[in-house]
Amino acid sequence: MANRNITLSLPEELVRKAKIIAAERDTSVSALVAELVEHLAGGDEDYEHAWDREVARMASSGMSVGDITWSRDELHER
């Protein structure tokens, strides 16, 4: 799919925060906006693809997803 340029008008503080988030994720503000709009529009990703992408991101940061060994009730015991 071809890309098109659009112009957005955002508060300066929001743009600053978006640039920080983009840098932390090693991406661009344009890619962040595209991801958000795609998510809001329903996107073409299914849950499994999104999960695999997040697991890969965590792995590249030295994190991992382990087995769930607890139940919801155990987490909320008082």
Protein backbone atom coordinates (compact mmCIF):
# COMPACT_ATOMS: atom_id res chain seq x y z
CA MET A 1 0.00 0.00 0.00
CA ALA A 2 1.36 3.43 -0.93
CA ASN A 3 1.91 6.04 1.77
CA ARG A 4 0.49 9.54 1.71
CA ASN A 5 1.67 12.54 3.64
CA ILE A 6 -0.74 14.39 5.92
CA THR A 7 -0.32 17.42 8.14
CA LEU A 8 -1.22 17.23 11.81
CA SER A 9 -1.49 20.03 14.31
CA LEU A 10 -0.63 18.87 17.83
CA PRO A 11 0.32 20.65 21.04
CA GLU A 12 4.10 21.05 21.42
CA GLU A 13 4.20 19.02 24.63
CA LEU A 14 2.39 16.12 22.96
CA VAL A 15 4.83 16.19 20.04
CA ARG A 16 7.75 16.16 22.51
CA LYS A 17 6.28 13.13 24.30
CA ALA A 18 5.61 11.36 21.00
CA LYS A 19 9.24 11.86 19.94
CA ILE A 20 10.45 10.40 23.23
CA ILE A 21 8.18 7.36 22.89
CA ALA A 22 9.27 6.87 19.28
CA ALA A 23 12.94 7.04 20.27
CA GLU A 24 12.40 4.54 23.09
CA ARG A 25 10.76 2.16 20.62
CA ASP A 26 13.38 2.80 17.94
CA THR A 27 10.75 3.99 15.47
CA SER A 28 9.37 7.25 14.10
CA VAL A 29 6.47 9.44 15.17
CA SER A 30 4.87 8.66 11.80
CA ALA A 31 5.09 4.94 12.53
CA LEU A 32 3.55 5.50 16.00
CA VAL A 33 0.64 7.44 14.51
CA ALA A 34 0.15 4.82 11.79
CA GLU A 35 0.12 2.04 14.41
CA LEU A 36 -2.42 3.90 16.53
CA VAL A 37 -4.74 4.65 13.60
CA GLU A 38 -4.46 1.07 12.37
CA HIS A 39 -5.32 -0.18 15.85
CA LEU A 40 -8.32 2.17 16.09
CA ALA A 41 -9.49 1.16 12.63
CA GLY A 42 -9.42 -2.51 13.53
CA GLY A 43 -6.13 -3.20 11.79
CA ASP A 44 -5.32 -6.28 9.81
CA GLU A 45 -3.35 -7.97 12.61
CA ASP A 46 -4.86 -10.75 14.57
CA TYR A 47 -4.15 -11.31 18.25
CA GLU A 48 -1.54 -14.03 17.68
CA HIS A 49 0.50 -11.85 15.32
CA ALA A 50 0.42 -8.96 17.80
CA TRP A 51 1.43 -11.30 20.65
CA ASP A 52 4.34 -12.69 18.63
CA ARG A 53 5.52 -9.16 17.85
CA GLU A 54 5.43 -8.17 21.53
CA VAL A 55 7.29 -11.33 22.58
CA ALA A 56 9.97 -10.51 19.98
CA ARG A 57 10.25 -6.94 21.31
CA MET A 58 10.68 -8.22 24.85
CA ALA A 59 13.25 -10.79 23.75
CA SER A 60 15.29 -8.07 22.03
CA SER A 61 15.30 -6.21 25.37
CA GLY A 62 16.43 -9.28 27.32
CA MET A 63 12.96 -9.97 28.72
CA SER A 64 10.83 -13.07 28.28
CA VAL A 65 7.34 -14.36 28.84
CA GLY A 66 7.12 -17.33 31.15
CA ASP A 67 4.37 -19.77 31.90
CA ILE A 68 1.45 -18.45 33.91
CA THR A 69 1.65 -20.36 37.18
CA TRP A 70 -0.96 -18.39 39.12
CA SER A 71 -4.68 -17.84 38.91
CA ARG A 72 -6.58 -14.58 38.94
CA ASP A 73 -8.01 -15.46 42.37
CA GLU A 74 -4.52 -16.03 43.78
CA LEU A 75 -3.44 -12.62 42.57
CA HIS A 76 -6.39 -10.94 44.24
CA GLU A 77 -6.34 -12.80 47.56
CA ARG A 78 -6.71 -10.52 50.55
